C-alpha atoms as a PDB file:
ATOM      1  CA  MET A   1     -68.267  11.380 -53.006  1.00  0.00           C
ATOM      2  CA  TYR A   2     -64.547  11.708 -52.193  1.00  0.00           C
ATOM      3  CA  VAL A   3     -65.284  14.865 -50.197  1.00  0.00           C
ATOM      4  CA  ILE A   4     -67.775  13.078 -47.950  1.00  0.00           C
ATOM      5  CA  ILE A   5     -65.483  10.083 -47.429  1.00  0.00           C
ATOM      6  CA  GLY A   6     -62.502  12.322 -46.660  1.00  0.00           C
ATOM      7  CA  TRP A   7     -64.567  14.299 -44.134  1.00  0.00           C
ATOM      8  CA  LEU A   8     -65.828  11.104 -42.479  1.00  0.00           C
ATOM      9  CA  LEU A   9     -62.222   9.921 -42.119  1.00  0.00           C
ATOM     10  CA  ASP A  10     -61.364  13.215 -40.417  1.00  0.00           C
ATOM     11  CA  ARG A  11     -64.373  12.924 -38.083  1.00  0.00           C
ATOM     12  CA  PHE A  12     -63.362   9.395 -37.098  1.00  0.00           C
ATOM     13  CA  PHE A  13     -59.578   9.718 -36.913  1.00  0.00           C
ATOM     14  CA  GLY A  14     -58.578  13.402 -36.799  1.00  0.00           C
ATOM     15  CA  ASP A  15     -54.981  14.235 -37.656  1.00  0.00           C
ATOM     16  CA  PRO A  16     -53.038  10.947 -37.847  1.00  0.00           C
ATOM     17  CA  ALA A  17     -50.205  11.178 -35.319  1.00  0.00           C
ATOM     18  CA  ASN A  18     -48.242   8.260 -36.763  1.00  0.00           C
ATOM     19  CA  LEU A  19     -48.534   9.104 -40.457  1.00  0.00           C
ATOM     20  CA  PRO A  20     -46.529  11.644 -42.468  1.00  0.00           C
ATOM     21  CA  HIS A  21     -48.642  14.781 -42.817  1.00  0.00           C
ATOM     22  CA  PRO A  22     -48.372  17.245 -45.736  1.00  0.00           C
ATOM     23  CA  ILE A  23     -48.785  20.216 -43.391  1.00  0.00           C
ATOM     24  CA  VAL A  24     -45.678  19.123 -41.502  1.00  0.00           C
ATOM     25  CA  TRP A  25     -43.780  19.074 -44.800  1.00  0.00           C
ATOM     26  CA  PHE A  26     -45.176  22.513 -45.625  1.00  0.00           C
ATOM     27  CA  GLY A  27     -43.931  23.796 -42.291  1.00  0.00           C
ATOM     28  CA  LYS A  28     -40.446  22.394 -42.782  1.00  0.00           C
ATOM     29  CA  ALA A  29     -40.186  23.949 -46.254  1.00  0.00           C
ATOM     30  CA  ILE A  30     -41.361  27.332 -44.952  1.00  0.00           C
ATOM     31  CA  ALA A  31     -38.937  27.221 -42.017  1.00  0.00           C
ATOM     32  CA  ALA A  32     -35.992  26.359 -44.253  1.00  0.00           C
ATOM     33  CA  LEU A  33     -36.751  29.094 -46.774  1.00  0.00           C
ATOM     34  CA  GLU A  34     -37.459  31.663 -44.067  1.00  0.00           C
ATOM     35  CA  LYS A  35     -34.089  30.930 -42.478  1.00  0.00           C
ATOM     36  CA  ARG A  36     -32.380  31.268 -45.868  1.00  0.00           C
ATOM     37  CA  PHE A  37     -34.074  34.415 -47.193  1.00  0.00           C
ATOM     38  CA  ASN A  38     -35.375  36.410 -44.205  1.00  0.00           C
ATOM     39  CA  CYS A  39     -32.216  38.474 -43.910  1.00  0.00           C
ATOM     40  CA  GLY A  40     -30.531  41.485 -45.446  1.00  0.00           C
ATOM     41  CA  THR A  41     -32.395  43.856 -47.732  1.00  0.00           C
ATOM     42  CA  GLY A  42     -35.484  43.281 -49.841  1.00  0.00           C
ATOM     43  CA  ARG A  43     -37.186  41.050 -47.274  1.00  0.00           C
ATOM     44  CA  ARG A  44     -40.672  42.036 -48.411  1.00  0.00           C
ATOM     45  CA  VAL A  45     -39.979  41.009 -52.011  1.00  0.00           C
ATOM     46  CA  LYS A  46     -38.180  37.830 -51.003  1.00  0.00           C
ATOM     47  CA  GLY A  47     -41.028  36.847 -48.708  1.00  0.00           C
ATOM     48  CA  ALA A  48     -43.556  37.401 -51.483  1.00  0.00           C
ATOM     49  CA  LEU A  49     -41.552  35.303 -53.943  1.00  0.00           C
ATOM     50  CA  VAL A  50     -41.174  32.483 -51.427  1.00  0.00           C
ATOM     51  CA  ALA A  51     -44.927  32.462 -50.736  1.00  0.00           C
ATOM     52  CA  ILE A  52     -45.868  32.515 -54.431  1.00  0.00           C
ATOM     53  CA  ALA A  53     -43.366  29.773 -55.271  1.00  0.00           C
ATOM     54  CA  LEU A  54     -44.536  27.457 -52.487  1.00  0.00           C
ATOM     55  CA  VAL A  55     -48.243  27.869 -53.244  1.00  0.00           C
ATOM     56  CA  ALA A  56     -47.669  27.383 -56.982  1.00  0.00           C
ATOM     57  CA  LEU A  57     -45.487  24.326 -56.342  1.00  0.00           C
ATOM     58  CA  VAL A  58     -48.075  22.670 -54.111  1.00  0.00           C
ATOM     59  CA  PHE A  59     -50.916  23.327 -56.548  1.00  0.00           C
ATOM     60  CA  GLY A  60     -48.953  22.253 -59.621  1.00  0.00           C
ATOM     61  CA  ALA A  61     -47.434  19.122 -58.100  1.00  0.00           C
ATOM     62  CA  SER A  62     -50.706  17.910 -56.575  1.00  0.00           C
ATOM     63  CA  TRP A  63     -52.632  18.609 -59.797  1.00  0.00           C
ATOM     64  CA  LEU A  64     -50.150  16.587 -61.838  1.00  0.00           C
ATOM     65  CA  LEU A  65     -50.127  13.746 -59.307  1.00  0.00           C
ATOM     66  CA  ILE A  66     -53.912  13.431 -59.135  1.00  0.00           C
ATOM     67  CA  HIS A  67     -54.392  13.999 -62.882  1.00  0.00           C
ATOM     68  CA  TYR A  68     -52.027  11.208 -63.872  1.00  0.00           C
ATOM     69  CA  ALA A  69     -53.270   8.963 -61.062  1.00  0.00           C
ATOM     70  CA  PHE A  70     -56.779   9.148 -62.555  1.00  0.00           C
ATOM     71  CA  ARG A  71     -55.370   8.442 -66.024  1.00  0.00           C
ATOM     72  CA  PHE A  72     -53.582   5.366 -64.676  1.00  0.00           C
ATOM     73  CA  SER A  73     -56.447   4.121 -62.515  1.00  0.00           C
ATOM     74  CA  TYR A  74     -59.726   5.697 -61.454  1.00  0.00           C
ATOM     75  CA  GLY A  75     -59.450   3.936 -58.106  1.00  0.00           C
ATOM     76  CA  LEU A  76     -55.973   5.339 -57.485  1.00  0.00           C
ATOM     77  CA  GLY A  77     -57.068   8.864 -58.383  1.00  0.00           C
ATOM     78  CA  LEU A  78     -60.103   8.561 -56.129  1.00  0.00           C
ATOM     79  CA  ALA A  79     -57.981   7.250 -53.266  1.00  0.00           C
ATOM     80  CA  LEU A  80     -55.519  10.133 -53.579  1.00  0.00           C
ATOM     81  CA  SER A  81     -58.406  12.628 -53.651  1.00  0.00           C
ATOM     82  CA  ILE A  82     -59.911  11.131 -50.492  1.00  0.00           C
ATOM     83  CA  ILE A  83     -56.540  11.221 -48.740  1.00  0.00           C
ATOM     84  CA  GLY A  84     -56.052  14.840 -49.813  1.00  0.00           C
ATOM     85  CA  VAL A  85     -59.401  15.885 -48.321  1.00  0.00           C
ATOM     86  CA  PHE A  86     -58.664  13.907 -45.168  1.00  0.00           C
ATOM     87  CA  PHE A  87     -55.311  15.624 -44.640  1.00  0.00           C
ATOM     88  CA  CYS A  88     -56.675  19.105 -45.403  1.00  0.00           C
ATOM     89  CA  LEU A  89     -59.521  19.076 -42.882  1.00  0.00           C
ATOM     90  CA  ALA A  90     -58.850  19.807 -39.224  1.00  0.00           C
ATOM     91  CA  GLY A  91     -62.266  19.803 -37.576  1.00  0.00           C
ATOM     92  CA  LYS A  92     -62.082  16.719 -35.370  1.00  0.00           C
ATOM     93  CA  THR A  93     -58.632  17.354 -33.950  1.00  0.00           C
ATOM     94  CA  LEU A  94     -59.312  20.902 -32.805  1.00  0.00           C
ATOM     95  CA  SER A  95     -62.712  19.968 -31.383  1.00  0.00           C
ATOM     96  CA  ASP A  96     -60.984  17.299 -29.306  1.00  0.00           C
ATOM     97  CA  GLU A  97     -58.288  19.771 -28.243  1.00  0.00           C
ATOM     98  CA  VAL A  98     -60.882  22.331 -27.102  1.00  0.00           C
ATOM     99  CA  ARG A  99     -62.696  19.699 -25.090  1.00  0.00           C
ATOM    100  CA  MET A 100     -59.392  18.726 -23.453  1.00  0.00           C
ATOM    101  CA  VAL A 101     -58.701  22.392 -22.607  1.00  0.00           C
ATOM    102  CA  PHE A 102     -61.958  22.646 -20.671  1.00  0.00           C
ATOM    103  CA  GLU A 103     -61.292  19.328 -18.918  1.00  0.00           C
ATOM    104  CA  ALA A 104     -57.702  20.333 -18.088  1.00  0.00           C
ATOM    105  CA  VAL A 105     -58.557  23.738 -16.633  1.00  0.00           C
ATOM    106  CA  ASP A 106     -61.203  22.093 -14.460  1.00  0.00           C
ATOM    107  CA  GLU A 107     -58.374  20.002 -12.961  1.00  0.00           C
ATOM    108  CA  SER A 108     -55.838  22.805 -12.492  1.00  0.00           C
ATOM    109  CA  LEU A 109     -54.842  26.174 -13.873  1.00  0.00           C
ATOM    110  CA  GLU A 110     -51.404  24.947 -14.941  1.00  0.00           C
ATOM    111  CA  LYS A 111     -52.829  21.995 -16.855  1.00  0.00           C
ATOM    112  CA  GLY A 112     -55.250  24.328 -18.578  1.00  0.00           C
ATOM    113  CA  ARG A 113     -52.475  26.737 -19.571  1.00  0.00           C
ATOM    114  CA  THR A 114     -50.382  23.894 -20.953  1.00  0.00           C
ATOM    115  CA  GLN A 115     -53.269  22.394 -22.889  1.00  0.00           C
ATOM    116  CA  VAL A 116     -54.458  25.647 -24.455  1.00  0.00           C
ATOM    117  CA  GLY A 117     -50.860  26.416 -25.427  1.00  0.00           C
ATOM    118  CA  ARG A 118     -51.149  23.552 -27.928  1.00  0.00           C
ATOM    119  CA  ILE A 119     -53.741  25.386 -30.027  1.00  0.00           C
ATOM    120  CA  VAL A 120     -53.011  29.123 -29.650  1.00  0.00           C
ATOM    121  CA  GLY A 121     -50.029  31.244 -30.629  1.00  0.00           C
ATOM    122  CA  ARG A 122     -50.135  33.564 -27.629  1.00  0.00           C
ATOM    123  CA  ASP A 123     -48.321  33.399 -24.295  1.00  0.00           C
ATOM    124  CA  THR A 124     -50.451  31.267 -21.957  1.00  0.00           C
ATOM    125  CA  SER A 125     -48.274  31.318 -18.826  1.00  0.00           C
ATOM    126  CA  GLU A 126     -50.342  33.925 -17.011  1.00  0.00           C
ATOM    127  CA  LEU A 127     -53.839  33.252 -18.334  1.00  0.00           C
ATOM    128  CA  SER A 128     -56.699  32.937 -15.865  1.00  0.00           C
ATOM    129  CA  ALA A 129     -59.197  30.058 -16.101  1.00  0.00           C
ATOM    130  CA  GLN A 130     -61.685  32.332 -17.866  1.00  0.00           C
ATOM    131  CA  GLU A 131     -59.024  33.537 -20.317  1.00  0.00           C
ATOM    132  CA  ILE A 132     -58.036  29.948 -21.076  1.00  0.00           C
ATOM    133  CA  ARG A 133     -61.611  28.975 -21.917  1.00  0.00           C
ATOM    134  CA  THR A 134     -62.049  32.159 -23.945  1.00  0.00           C
ATOM    135  CA  ALA A 135     -58.879  31.470 -25.946  1.00  0.00           C
ATOM    136  CA  ALA A 136     -60.048  27.927 -26.700  1.00  0.00           C
ATOM    137  CA  LEU A 137     -63.475  29.062 -27.933  1.00  0.00           C
ATOM    138  CA  GLU A 138     -62.023  31.901 -30.029  1.00  0.00           C
ATOM    139  CA  THR A 139     -59.653  29.422 -31.672  1.00  0.00           C
ATOM    140  CA  LEU A 140     -62.482  26.951 -32.242  1.00  0.00           C
ATOM    141  CA  ALA A 141     -64.556  29.558 -34.080  1.00  0.00           C
ATOM    142  CA  GLU A 142     -61.632  30.763 -36.182  1.00  0.00           C
ATOM    143  CA  ASN A 143     -60.552  27.215 -37.018  1.00  0.00           C
ATOM    144  CA  LEU A 144     -64.036  26.303 -38.222  1.00  0.00           C
ATOM    145  CA  SER A 145     -63.362  28.704 -41.080  1.00  0.00           C
ATOM    146  CA  ASP A 146     -59.622  28.105 -41.551  1.00  0.00           C
ATOM    147  CA  GLY A 147     -59.668  24.357 -40.896  1.00  0.00           C
ATOM    148  CA  VAL A 148     -62.917  23.241 -42.513  1.00  0.00           C
ATOM    149  CA  VAL A 149     -65.033  25.734 -44.475  1.00  0.00           C
ATOM    150  CA  ALA A 150     -62.182  27.477 -46.313  1.00  0.00           C
ATOM    151  CA  PRO A 151     -60.473  24.247 -47.486  1.00  0.00           C
ATOM    152  CA  LEU A 152     -63.844  22.944 -48.680  1.00  0.00           C
ATOM    153  CA  PHE A 153     -64.562  26.243 -50.435  1.00  0.00           C
ATOM    154  CA  TRP A 154     -61.301  26.032 -52.385  1.00  0.00           C
ATOM    155  CA  CYS A 155     -61.931  22.361 -53.078  1.00  0.00           C
ATOM    156  CA  ALA A 156     -65.247  23.307 -54.673  1.00  0.00           C
ATOM    157  CA  LEU A 157     -63.499  25.874 -56.876  1.00  0.00           C
ATOM    158  CA  LEU A 158     -60.194  24.190 -57.709  1.00  0.00           C
ATOM    159  CA  GLY A 159     -60.450  20.592 -56.545  1.00  0.00           C
ATOM    160  CA  VAL A 160     -58.078  18.897 -54.126  1.00  0.00           C
ATOM    161  CA  PRO A 161     -55.049  20.807 -55.557  1.00  0.00           C
ATOM    162  CA  GLY A 162     -56.813  24.064 -54.635  1.00  0.00           C
ATOM    163  CA  MET A 163     -57.490  22.670 -51.185  1.00  0.00           C
ATOM    164  CA  LEU A 164     -53.827  21.810 -50.689  1.00  0.00           C
ATOM    165  CA  ALA A 165     -52.703  25.175 -52.064  1.00  0.00           C
ATOM    166  CA  TYR A 166     -55.006  26.872 -49.552  1.00  0.00           C
ATOM    167  CA  LYS A 167     -53.431  24.855 -46.723  1.00  0.00           C
ATOM    168  CA  MET A 168     -50.013  26.106 -47.817  1.00  0.00           C
ATOM    169  CA  VAL A 169     -51.344  29.689 -47.749  1.00  0.00           C
ATOM    170  CA  ASN A 170     -52.763  29.132 -44.280  1.00  0.00           C
ATOM    171  CA  THR A 171     -49.552  27.494 -43.032  1.00  0.00           C
ATOM    172  CA  LEU A 172     -47.477  30.373 -44.372  1.00  0.00           C
ATOM    173  CA  ASP A 173     -49.658  32.838 -42.475  1.00  0.00           C
ATOM    174  CA  SER A 174     -49.514  30.825 -39.253  1.00  0.00           C
ATOM    175  CA  MET A 175     -45.701  30.676 -39.391  1.00  0.00           C
ATOM    176  CA  ILE A 176     -44.547  34.003 -40.833  1.00  0.00           C
ATOM    177  CA  GLY A 177     -47.640  36.202 -40.992  1.00  0.00           C
ATOM    178  CA  TYR A 178     -46.935  38.037 -37.728  1.00  0.00           C
ATOM    179  CA  ARG A 179     -46.549  41.788 -37.313  1.00  0.00           C
ATOM    180  CA  ASN A 180     -43.456  41.592 -35.137  1.00  0.00           C
ATOM    181  CA  GLU A 181     -39.908  42.676 -35.927  1.00  0.00           C
ATOM    182  CA  ARG A 182     -38.817  39.348 -37.391  1.00  0.00           C
ATOM    183  CA  TYR A 183     -41.734  38.739 -39.747  1.00  0.00           C
ATOM    184  CA  ARG A 184     -43.282  42.149 -40.428  1.00  0.00           C
ATOM    185  CA  GLU A 185     -41.658  42.518 -43.866  1.00  0.00           C
ATOM    186  CA  PHE A 186     -40.897  38.937 -44.872  1.00  0.00           C
ATOM    187  CA  GLY A 187     -44.362  37.651 -43.967  1.00  0.00           C
ATOM    188  CA  CYS A 188     -46.369  40.653 -45.149  1.00  0.00           C
ATOM    189  CA  PHE A 189     -47.393  39.115 -48.491  1.00  0.00           C
ATOM    190  CA  ALA A 190     -48.229  35.759 -46.897  1.00  0.00           C
ATOM    191  CA  ALA A 191     -50.514  37.463 -44.385  1.00  0.00           C
ATOM    192  CA  ARG A 192     -52.318  39.447 -47.085  1.00  0.00           C
ATOM    193  CA  LEU A 193     -52.649  36.347 -49.279  1.00  0.00           C
ATOM    194  CA  ASP A 194     -54.261  34.507 -46.369  1.00  0.00           C
ATOM    195  CA  ASP A 195     -56.661  37.424 -45.868  1.00  0.00           C
ATOM    196  CA  VAL A 196     -57.758  37.181 -49.498  1.00  0.00           C
ATOM    197  CA  ALA A 197     -58.090  33.378 -49.418  1.00  0.00           C
ATOM    198  CA  ASN A 198     -60.278  33.508 -46.305  1.00  0.00           C
ATOM    199  CA  TRP A 199     -62.430  36.554 -47.095  1.00  0.00           C
ATOM    200  CA  ILE A 200     -65.421  34.682 -48.528  1.00  0.00           C
ATOM    201  CA  PRO A 201     -65.104  31.478 -46.427  1.00  0.00           C
ATOM    202  CA  ALA A 202     -65.054  33.431 -43.141  1.00  0.00           C
ATOM    203  CA  ARG A 203     -68.339  35.112 -43.988  1.00  0.00           C
ATOM    204  CA  ILE A 204     -69.896  31.867 -45.193  1.00  0.00           C
ATOM    205  CA  THR A 205     -68.849  30.280 -41.900  1.00  0.00           C
ATOM    206  CA  ALA A 206     -70.524  33.011 -39.860  1.00  0.00           C
ATOM    207  CA  LEU A 207     -73.699  32.717 -41.943  1.00  0.00           C
ATOM    208  CA  LEU A 208     -73.872  28.946 -41.470  1.00  0.00           C
ATOM    209  CA  MET A 209     -73.197  29.271 -37.739  1.00  0.00           C
ATOM    210  CA  ALA A 210     -76.130  31.670 -37.445  1.00  0.00           C
ATOM    211  CA  LEU A 211     -78.264  29.277 -39.468  1.00  0.00           C
ATOM    212  CA  VAL A 212     -77.670  26.274 -37.157  1.00  0.00           C
ATOM    213  CA  ALA A 213     -77.634  28.219 -33.870  1.00  0.00           C
ATOM    214  CA  PRO A 214     -79.752  26.591 -31.130  1.00  0.00           C
ATOM    215  CA  LYS A 215     -83.059  28.249 -30.343  1.00  0.00           C
ATOM    216  CA  ARG A 216     -82.526  27.953 -26.598  1.00  0.00           C
ATOM    217  CA  ASP A 217     -79.434  27.869 -24.376  1.00  0.00           C
ATOM    218  CA  SER A 218     -78.463  25.173 -21.871  1.00  0.00           C
ATOM    219  CA  GLN A 219     -80.776  26.712 -19.268  1.00  0.00           C
ATOM    220  CA  GLY A 220     -83.763  26.767 -21.598  1.00  0.00           C
ATOM    221  CA  ARG A 221     -83.674  30.494 -22.260  1.00  0.00           C
ATOM    222  CA  LYS A 222     -84.489  31.787 -25.730  1.00  0.00           C
ATOM    223  CA  THR A 223     -81.417  32.762 -27.729  1.00  0.00           C
ATOM    224  CA  ARG A 224     -80.948  35.257 -30.567  1.00  0.00           C
ATOM    225  CA  SER A 225     -82.966  34.611 -33.703  1.00  0.00           C
ATOM    226  CA  PHE A 226     -81.293  34.160 -37.087  1.00  0.00           C
ATOM    227  CA  GLY A 227     -81.961  37.798 -37.996  1.00  0.00           C
ATOM    228  CA  GLU A 228     -80.644  39.029 -34.646  1.00  0.00           C
ATOM    229  CA  LEU A 229     -77.483  36.968 -35.083  1.00  0.00           C
ATOM    230  CA  LEU A 230     -76.902  38.412 -38.540  1.00  0.00           C
ATOM    231  CA  ARG A 231     -77.194  41.933 -37.145  1.00  0.00           C
ATOM    232  CA  PHE A 232     -74.825  40.989 -34.310  1.00  0.00           C
ATOM    233  CA  ILE A 233     -72.298  39.582 -36.801  1.00  0.00           C
ATOM    234  CA  ARG A 234     -72.605  42.662 -39.002  1.00  0.00           C
ATOM    235  CA  ARG A 235     -71.944  44.876 -35.985  1.00  0.00           C
ATOM    236  CA  TYR A 236     -69.003  43.007 -34.475  1.00  0.00           C
ATOM    237  CA  GLY A 237     -67.533  40.998 -37.369  1.00  0.00           C
ATOM    238  CA  SER A 238     -65.235  43.822 -38.411  1.00  0.00           C
ATOM    239  CA  GLN A 239     -64.115  44.475 -34.822  1.00  0.00           C
ATOM    240  CA  HIS A 240     -60.943  42.401 -35.139  1.00  0.00           C
ATOM    241  CA  LEU A 241     -57.359  42.956 -36.239  1.00  0.00           C
ATOM    242  CA  SER A 242     -57.959  40.337 -38.914  1.00  0.00           C
ATOM    243  CA  PRO A 243     -60.418  41.216 -41.700  1.00  0.00           C
ATOM    244  CA  ASN A 244     -61.815  37.677 -41.459  1.00  0.00           C
ATOM    245  CA  SER A 245     -61.422  36.074 -38.024  1.00  0.00           C
ATOM    246  CA  GLY A 246     -63.917  38.435 -36.435  1.00  0.00           C
ATOM    247  CA  TYR A 247     -66.851  37.008 -38.384  1.00  0.00           C
ATOM    248  CA  PRO A 248     -66.917  33.421 -37.050  1.00  0.00           C
ATOM    249  CA  GLU A 249     -65.895  34.748 -33.624  1.00  0.00           C
ATOM    250  CA  ALA A 250     -68.774  37.223 -33.713  1.00  0.00           C
ATOM    251  CA  ALA A 251     -71.151  34.420 -34.711  1.00  0.00           C
ATOM    252  CA  LEU A 252     -70.080  32.292 -31.748  1.00  0.00           C
ATOM    253  CA  ALA A 253     -70.161  35.278 -29.380  1.00  0.00           C
ATOM    254  CA  GLY A 254     -73.712  35.982 -30.511  1.00  0.00           C
ATOM    255  CA  ILE A 255     -74.748  32.355 -30.062  1.00  0.00           C
ATOM    256  CA  LEU A 256     -73.210  32.083 -26.578  1.00  0.00           C
ATOM    257  CA  ASP A 257     -74.138  35.674 -25.615  1.00  0.00           C
ATOM    258  CA  CYS A 258     -70.567  36.376 -24.529  1.00  0.00           C
ATOM    259  CA  ARG A 259     -67.591  38.628 -25.225  1.00  0.00           C
ATOM    260  CA  PHE A 260     -64.338  37.780 -26.996  1.00  0.00           C
ATOM    261  CA  GLY A 261     -61.227  39.898 -27.553  1.00  0.00           C
ATOM    262  CA  GLY A 262     -59.151  42.064 -25.237  1.00  0.00           C
ATOM    263  CA  PRO A 263     -55.378  42.123 -24.608  1.00  0.00           C
ATOM    264  CA  HIS A 264     -53.244  39.163 -25.741  1.00  0.00           C
ATOM    265  CA  ASN A 265     -49.522  38.488 -25.387  1.00  0.00           C
ATOM    266  CA  TYR A 266     -47.732  37.377 -28.578  1.00  0.00           C
ATOM    267  CA  PHE A 267     -43.991  36.714 -28.432  1.00  0.00           C
ATOM    268  CA  GLY A 268     -43.536  39.208 -25.593  1.00  0.00           C
ATOM    269  CA  GLU A 269     -45.605  41.931 -27.299  1.00  0.00           C
ATOM    270  CA  GLU A 270     -49.037  42.862 -25.942  1.00  0.00           C
ATOM    271  CA  VAL A 271     -51.638  43.074 -28.689  1.00  0.00           C
ATOM    272  CA  TYR A 272     -55.043  44.552 -27.921  1.00  0.00           C
ATOM    273  CA  LYS A 273     -57.946  43.055 -29.831  1.00  0.00           C
ATOM    274  CA  PRO A 274     -61.229  44.995 -29.792  1.00  0.00           C
ATOM    275  CA  TYR A 275     -64.004  43.308 -27.867  1.00  0.00           C
ATOM    276  CA  ILE A 276     -66.523  41.278 -29.834  1.00  0.00           C
ATOM    277  CA  GLY A 277     -69.783  41.321 -27.912  1.00  0.00           C
ATOM    278  CA  GLU A 278     -70.632  42.995 -24.648  1.00  0.00           C
ATOM    279  CA  ASN A 279     -71.663  40.343 -22.141  1.00  0.00           C
ATOM    280  CA  HIS A 280     -68.723  39.333 -19.944  1.00  0.00           C
ATOM    281  CA  LYS A 281     -69.623  35.861 -18.706  1.00  0.00           C
ATOM    282  CA  ASP A 282     -67.806  32.886 -17.226  1.00  0.00           C
ATOM    283  CA  PHE A 283     -67.776  30.022 -19.693  1.00  0.00           C
ATOM    284  CA  THR A 284     -69.039  26.604 -18.674  1.00  0.00           C
ATOM    285  CA  THR A 285     -68.791  23.117 -20.117  1.00  0.00           C
ATOM    286  CA  ALA A 286     -72.302  23.627 -21.495  1.00  0.00           C
ATOM    287  CA  ASP A 287     -71.030  26.587 -23.548  1.00  0.00           C
ATOM    288  CA  MET A 288     -68.253  24.426 -24.927  1.00  0.00           C
ATOM    289  CA  GLU A 289     -70.714  21.681 -25.851  1.00  0.00           C
ATOM    290  CA  THR A 290     -72.936  24.204 -27.647  1.00  0.00           C
ATOM    291  CA  ALA A 291     -69.949  25.513 -29.618  1.00  0.00           C
ATOM    292  CA  LEU A 292     -68.879  21.996 -30.597  1.00  0.00           C
ATOM    293  CA  GLN A 293     -72.398  21.133 -31.720  1.00  0.00           C
ATOM    294  CA  VAL A 294     -72.564  24.262 -33.871  1.00  0.00           C
ATOM    295  CA  ASN A 295     -69.185  23.375 -35.406  1.00  0.00           C
ATOM    296  CA  LEU A 296     -70.274  19.842 -36.259  1.00  0.00           C
ATOM    297  CA  GLN A 297     -73.487  21.008 -37.925  1.00  0.00           C
ATOM    298  CA  VAL A 298     -71.649  23.646 -39.975  1.00  0.00           C
ATOM    299  CA  GLU A 299     -69.117  21.030 -41.059  1.00  0.00           C
ATOM    300  CA  LEU A 300     -71.876  18.668 -42.189  1.00  0.00           C
ATOM    301  CA  ILE A 301     -73.727  21.339 -44.175  1.00  0.00           C
ATOM    302  CA  SER A 302     -70.488  22.537 -45.783  1.00  0.00           C
ATOM    303  CA  VAL A 303     -69.462  19.035 -46.825  1.00  0.00           C
ATOM    304  CA  LEU A 304     -72.858  18.249 -48.330  1.00  0.00           C
ATOM    305  CA  LEU A 305     -72.984  21.568 -50.208  1.00  0.00           C
ATOM    306  CA  VAL A 306     -69.505  21.077 -51.671  1.00  0.00           C
ATOM    307  CA  ALA A 307     -70.179  17.431 -52.579  1.00  0.00           C
ATOM    308  CA  PHE A 308     -73.395  18.474 -54.346  1.00  0.00           C
ATOM    309  CA  PHE A 309     -71.594  21.327 -56.139  1.00  0.00           C
ATOM    310  CA  ILE A 310     -68.828  19.027 -57.386  1.00  0.00           C
ATOM    311  CA  MET A 311     -71.269  16.372 -58.566  1.00  0.00           C
ATOM    312  CA  PHE A 312     -73.481  18.760 -60.497  1.00  0.00           C
END
C-alpha cells in the first residue's frame, strides 16, 4: 500500500521545491568527496571506494531508520516508507518539464534551449527546435526507466532502503559517470555500477512501453503491433553508448515512428550516438502527448505490479 500512496503523492506534487530532498543531500556528499579524492594517483580505486561507501551508507542508514521506526510505531514506519517512495520517484516532475520544453520552443528558440537545459546534460546553446524536442523525448524515455521503473524494481527486491540505494547509484552516475578527462577514472566504477543496476529495469521498461503502445497515431493511422515493436526494440535497443538507455528510447522511437540519436555536445566534447530508428520526422505536440500517455500507463502498471509483489 505504501508504494501506491507514495506514487500518488509523486503524481500530485512532483519533486517538492520547498522541502529538503535526499537526492540533493546525495549530490552534496558526492561533490564533496569528489573534490577531496579525485586527484593524484589511484583515482579509479578511490572512486570505486567512494561509490561503494556511499551506497552502503544510504542502504544501511535507511534500513536501520525504517526498521526501528516500525518497531516504535507501525504508523511511523509506514509514513517513512511512503515518504521514501515519494522522494525516490521522479515521473511527474520530468513529465511536466518535457511539456514545458515543447511549450517553450513553440514560443522561441532561446526559451526552448533554456528549458531543455534543465533536464539534459548536453550543451543546448546551438540546438535547433527539432533537436530540442528530440532531446526532451529521449530524456523522457530514459527517465521512465531511471526515475520510475528502476526505483520500483529495487523497492520490490530490497524495500525502500534498496530504492534509496539505487537513487544514490543513479546520482553518482549522473554526477561523475562521464567519459571525459575529469571523471573517466574516478567515475568509472560508478558508471558500471549504474549499468548493472539498470540492466533489468531498462528492458522491463521497454517491454511495458510496447505493451501499452497506442494502436493508432494522432492522425488515425495504424501503428506498430506489439510484436513489431519488440522486433524494433531488439534491433535498435543495443544501438546506444549506454547498455541500457537504448531500450526505452528504442521503444519510444518505435511507438512514435521516429529517429533518436546523432551527435551531441557534452562539456565541449562532441559525442556521436548511433541512430535509433530510421524515420527522420519533425516532432509535434501530439507526439509529446502520446509519449506522456505511454509514460503514465507504464508507471501505473509498474506500481501495481510492485505493490502486488510486496503484498504477496
